[in-house]
Amino acid sequence: MLHYLPSDREPGNARLGVVVAKKLLKRAVDRNKVKRVIREQFRCCRPALPSVDLIVRLAAKPAILDKKQLADEFLELVRKLPKSVRKSPS
């Protein structure tokens, strides 16, 4: 799940929070892997994001902890942000 809140800070200054519950992924190694992948994808797409606060919360236990699949799911969530929040292409 992706929660967002528009911010009044300067554009391109998006912030990220990641929540991975111990209930869903018991091993710390797995929780940290999810966080690392999401943070890296956020770092890559941050310049294209408007000034917004994002919180990514794992809603269901992933069947397989595949880095590519996790990255693709995060990018898909970012693409689904409402147009009023996303920066229009120039």
N, C-alpha and C. Protein backbone atom coordinates (compact mmCIF):
# COMPACT_ATOMS: atom_id res chain seq x y z
N MET A 1 0.84 -1.18 0.00
CA MET A 1 0.00 0.00 0.00
C MET A 1 0.89 1.24 0.00
N LEU A 2 0.41 2.28 -0.66
CA LEU A 2 1.13 3.53 -0.71
C LEU A 2 0.22 4.64 -0.19
N HIS A 3 0.65 5.28 0.88
CA HIS A 3 -0.07 6.43 1.42
C HIS A 3 0.74 7.66 1.04
N TYR A 4 0.06 8.77 0.73
CA TYR A 4 0.77 9.97 0.34
C TYR A 4 0.11 11.21 0.94
N LEU A 5 0.90 12.24 1.09
CA LEU A 5 0.43 13.52 1.60
C LEU A 5 1.22 14.61 0.90
N PRO A 6 0.55 15.45 0.10
CA PRO A 6 1.27 16.56 -0.55
C PRO A 6 1.89 17.48 0.49
N SER A 7 3.01 18.07 0.15
CA SER A 7 3.73 18.92 1.08
C SER A 7 3.99 20.28 0.45
N ASP A 8 4.26 21.27 1.29
CA ASP A 8 4.51 22.62 0.81
C ASP A 8 5.99 22.91 0.62
N ARG A 9 6.84 21.91 0.80
CA ARG A 9 8.27 22.12 0.61
C ARG A 9 8.57 22.34 -0.87
N GLU A 10 9.83 22.69 -1.18
CA GLU A 10 10.20 22.93 -2.57
C GLU A 10 10.05 21.66 -3.39
N PRO A 11 9.73 21.79 -4.69
CA PRO A 11 9.53 20.62 -5.56
C PRO A 11 10.77 19.73 -5.61
N GLY A 12 10.55 18.44 -5.79
CA GLY A 12 11.65 17.49 -5.87
C GLY A 12 12.19 17.08 -4.52
N ASN A 13 11.50 17.48 -3.46
CA ASN A 13 11.95 17.16 -2.11
C ASN A 13 10.99 16.16 -1.48
N ALA A 14 10.79 15.05 -2.15
CA ALA A 14 9.90 14.01 -1.65
C ALA A 14 10.58 13.25 -0.50
N ARG A 15 9.76 12.76 0.42
CA ARG A 15 10.27 11.95 1.53
C ARG A 15 9.60 10.59 1.52
N LEU A 16 10.28 9.60 2.10
CA LEU A 16 9.78 8.23 2.07
C LEU A 16 9.83 7.62 3.46
N GLY A 17 8.81 6.88 3.79
CA GLY A 17 8.78 6.05 4.99
C GLY A 17 8.39 4.64 4.58
N VAL A 18 9.02 3.64 5.17
CA VAL A 18 8.73 2.25 4.82
C VAL A 18 8.37 1.48 6.08
N VAL A 19 7.23 0.76 6.03
CA VAL A 19 6.77 -0.02 7.17
C VAL A 19 6.63 -1.47 6.72
N VAL A 20 7.39 -2.35 7.35
CA VAL A 20 7.29 -3.78 7.07
C VAL A 20 7.06 -4.47 8.41
N ALA A 21 5.86 -4.97 8.60
CA ALA A 21 5.48 -5.56 9.88
C ALA A 21 6.16 -6.91 10.12
N LYS A 22 6.53 -7.13 11.35
CA LYS A 22 7.14 -8.40 11.75
C LYS A 22 6.14 -9.54 11.59
N LYS A 23 4.88 -9.20 11.67
CA LYS A 23 3.81 -10.19 11.53
C LYS A 23 3.82 -10.81 10.12
N LEU A 24 4.19 -10.01 9.12
CA LEU A 24 4.19 -10.49 7.74
C LEU A 24 5.49 -11.17 7.34
N LEU A 25 6.61 -10.60 7.78
CA LEU A 25 7.93 -11.19 7.47
C LEU A 25 8.68 -11.37 8.79
N LYS A 26 8.79 -12.58 9.22
CA LYS A 26 9.39 -12.88 10.53
C LYS A 26 10.88 -12.57 10.60
N ARG A 27 11.60 -12.88 9.53
CA ARG A 27 13.05 -12.72 9.57
C ARG A 27 13.45 -11.27 9.26
N ALA A 28 14.35 -10.72 10.07
CA ALA A 28 14.83 -9.35 9.88
C ALA A 28 15.52 -9.20 8.53
N VAL A 29 16.17 -10.26 8.07
CA VAL A 29 16.85 -10.22 6.79
C VAL A 29 15.85 -9.93 5.67
N ASP A 30 14.69 -10.56 5.74
CA ASP A 30 13.65 -10.36 4.72
C ASP A 30 13.05 -8.95 4.81
N ARG A 31 12.79 -8.50 6.02
CA ARG A 31 12.24 -7.14 6.19
C ARG A 31 13.21 -6.09 5.66
N ASN A 32 14.49 -6.27 5.96
CA ASN A 32 15.50 -5.31 5.50
C ASN A 32 15.67 -5.34 3.98
N LYS A 33 15.53 -6.52 3.38
CA LYS A 33 15.63 -6.65 1.93
C LYS A 33 14.54 -5.85 1.25
N VAL A 34 13.32 -5.95 1.76
CA VAL A 34 12.20 -5.20 1.20
C VAL A 34 12.47 -3.70 1.32
N LYS A 35 12.93 -3.27 2.48
CA LYS A 35 13.21 -1.85 2.70
C LYS A 35 14.31 -1.34 1.77
N ARG A 36 15.37 -2.13 1.60
CA ARG A 36 16.47 -1.72 0.73
C ARG A 36 16.02 -1.53 -0.71
N VAL A 37 15.24 -2.47 -1.21
CA VAL A 37 14.77 -2.40 -2.59
C VAL A 37 13.88 -1.17 -2.79
N ILE A 38 12.97 -0.93 -1.86
CA ILE A 38 12.06 0.21 -1.99
C ILE A 38 12.82 1.52 -1.90
N ARG A 39 13.76 1.63 -0.97
CA ARG A 39 14.55 2.86 -0.85
C ARG A 39 15.36 3.14 -2.11
N GLU A 40 15.93 2.10 -2.70
CA GLU A 40 16.73 2.29 -3.91
C GLU A 40 15.85 2.77 -5.06
N GLN A 41 14.68 2.19 -5.23
CA GLN A 41 13.77 2.63 -6.29
C GLN A 41 13.31 4.07 -6.05
N PHE A 42 13.07 4.41 -4.79
CA PHE A 42 12.67 5.77 -4.46
C PHE A 42 13.80 6.75 -4.79
N ARG A 43 15.02 6.37 -4.47
CA ARG A 43 16.17 7.23 -4.74
C ARG A 43 16.28 7.52 -6.25
N CYS A 44 16.02 6.52 -7.06
CA CYS A 44 16.12 6.69 -8.51
C CYS A 44 15.02 7.57 -9.08
N CYS A 45 13.81 7.48 -8.55
CA CYS A 45 12.70 8.24 -9.12
C CYS A 45 12.40 9.52 -8.34
N ARG A 46 13.15 9.83 -7.30
CA ARG A 46 12.90 11.00 -6.46
C ARG A 46 12.92 12.33 -7.23
N PRO A 47 13.86 12.56 -8.15
CA PRO A 47 13.86 13.84 -8.87
C PRO A 47 12.58 14.09 -9.68
N ALA A 48 11.92 13.02 -10.11
CA ALA A 48 10.70 13.16 -10.91
C ALA A 48 9.45 13.33 -10.05
N LEU A 49 9.59 13.16 -8.74
CA LEU A 49 8.43 13.28 -7.86
C LEU A 49 8.25 14.71 -7.38
N PRO A 50 7.02 15.11 -7.16
CA PRO A 50 6.78 16.44 -6.59
C PRO A 50 7.08 16.41 -5.09
N SER A 51 6.84 17.50 -4.43
CA SER A 51 7.05 17.57 -2.99
C SER A 51 5.90 16.82 -2.31
N VAL A 52 6.18 15.60 -1.91
CA VAL A 52 5.15 14.73 -1.33
C VAL A 52 5.80 13.82 -0.30
N ASP A 53 5.04 13.47 0.72
CA ASP A 53 5.48 12.50 1.71
C ASP A 53 4.82 11.17 1.37
N LEU A 54 5.63 10.13 1.20
CA LEU A 54 5.13 8.80 0.85
C LEU A 54 5.40 7.83 1.99
N ILE A 55 4.43 6.98 2.26
CA ILE A 55 4.62 5.89 3.21
C ILE A 55 4.23 4.60 2.51
N VAL A 56 5.17 3.69 2.42
CA VAL A 56 4.93 2.38 1.81
C VAL A 56 4.74 1.39 2.95
N ARG A 57 3.61 0.68 2.91
CA ARG A 57 3.31 -0.29 3.95
C ARG A 57 3.01 -1.62 3.29
N LEU A 58 3.69 -2.64 3.74
CA LEU A 58 3.47 -3.99 3.22
C LEU A 58 2.11 -4.46 3.71
N ALA A 59 1.19 -4.74 2.78
CA ALA A 59 -0.18 -5.10 3.15
C ALA A 59 -0.38 -6.61 3.23
N ALA A 60 0.40 -7.36 2.48
CA ALA A 60 0.27 -8.82 2.48
C ALA A 60 1.66 -9.43 2.36
N LYS A 61 1.78 -10.63 2.86
CA LYS A 61 3.06 -11.34 2.79
C LYS A 61 3.37 -11.69 1.34
N PRO A 62 4.53 -11.25 0.84
CA PRO A 62 4.88 -11.60 -0.54
C PRO A 62 5.18 -13.09 -0.66
N ALA A 63 4.74 -13.68 -1.75
CA ALA A 63 4.97 -15.12 -1.97
C ALA A 63 6.46 -15.39 -2.13
N ILE A 64 7.11 -14.59 -2.96
CA ILE A 64 8.54 -14.74 -3.20
C ILE A 64 9.18 -13.36 -3.04
N LEU A 65 10.30 -13.31 -2.35
CA LEU A 65 11.01 -12.05 -2.15
C LEU A 65 11.96 -11.81 -3.32
N ASP A 66 11.38 -11.47 -4.45
CA ASP A 66 12.15 -11.21 -5.66
C ASP A 66 12.38 -9.71 -5.78
N LYS A 67 13.64 -9.29 -5.88
CA LYS A 67 13.97 -7.86 -5.93
C LYS A 67 13.30 -7.17 -7.11
N LYS A 68 13.31 -7.79 -8.26
CA LYS A 68 12.72 -7.19 -9.46
C LYS A 68 11.22 -6.99 -9.28
N GLN A 69 10.56 -8.00 -8.74
CA GLN A 69 9.12 -7.92 -8.54
C GLN A 69 8.77 -6.83 -7.51
N LEU A 70 9.53 -6.74 -6.43
CA LEU A 70 9.30 -5.71 -5.42
C LEU A 70 9.50 -4.32 -6.02
N ALA A 71 10.56 -4.16 -6.81
CA ALA A 71 10.84 -2.88 -7.43
C ALA A 71 9.73 -2.49 -8.41
N ASP A 72 9.28 -3.43 -9.21
CA ASP A 72 8.22 -3.16 -10.18
C ASP A 72 6.92 -2.78 -9.49
N GLU A 73 6.60 -3.44 -8.38
CA GLU A 73 5.37 -3.12 -7.65
C GLU A 73 5.43 -1.72 -7.04
N PHE A 74 6.59 -1.33 -6.53
CA PHE A 74 6.72 0.01 -5.97
C PHE A 74 6.57 1.06 -7.07
N LEU A 75 7.24 0.85 -8.20
CA LEU A 75 7.15 1.81 -9.30
C LEU A 75 5.72 1.91 -9.83
N GLU A 76 5.00 0.81 -9.84
CA GLU A 76 3.60 0.83 -10.27
C GLU A 76 2.75 1.65 -9.30
N LEU A 77 3.02 1.53 -8.01
CA LEU A 77 2.29 2.34 -7.03
C LEU A 77 2.58 3.83 -7.23
N VAL A 78 3.82 4.17 -7.52
CA VAL A 78 4.17 5.57 -7.75
C VAL A 78 3.48 6.09 -9.01
N ARG A 79 3.39 5.25 -10.04
CA ARG A 79 2.73 5.66 -11.29
C ARG A 79 1.23 5.91 -11.06
N LYS A 80 0.64 5.24 -10.08
CA LYS A 80 -0.79 5.37 -9.81
C LYS A 80 -1.13 6.59 -8.95
N LEU A 81 -0.12 7.35 -8.53
CA LEU A 81 -0.40 8.56 -7.78
C LEU A 81 -1.32 9.46 -8.60
N PRO A 82 -2.25 10.15 -7.96
CA PRO A 82 -3.15 11.05 -8.71
C PRO A 82 -2.37 12.12 -9.45
N LYS A 83 -2.92 12.55 -10.56
CA LYS A 83 -2.24 13.54 -11.39
C LYS A 83 -2.07 14.87 -10.66
N SER A 84 -2.94 15.15 -9.71
CA SER A 84 -2.82 16.39 -8.95
C SER A 84 -1.58 16.37 -8.06
N VAL A 85 -1.08 15.19 -7.74
CA VAL A 85 0.11 15.05 -6.89
C VAL A 85 1.36 14.93 -7.73
N ARG A 86 1.26 14.20 -8.86
CA ARG A 86 2.43 13.97 -9.72
C ARG A 86 2.82 15.23 -10.45
N LYS A 87 4.09 15.33 -10.75
CA LYS A 87 4.62 16.46 -11.52
C LYS A 87 4.27 16.25 -12.98
N SER A 88 3.76 17.28 -13.62
CA SER A 88 3.44 17.15 -15.03
C SER A 88 4.72 17.16 -15.86
N PRO A 89 4.80 16.34 -16.91
CA PRO A 89 6.02 16.28 -17.72
C PRO A 89 6.24 17.60 -18.45
N SER A 90 7.47 18.07 -18.47
CA SER A 90 7.78 19.33 -19.12
C SER A 90 8.53 19.10 -20.41
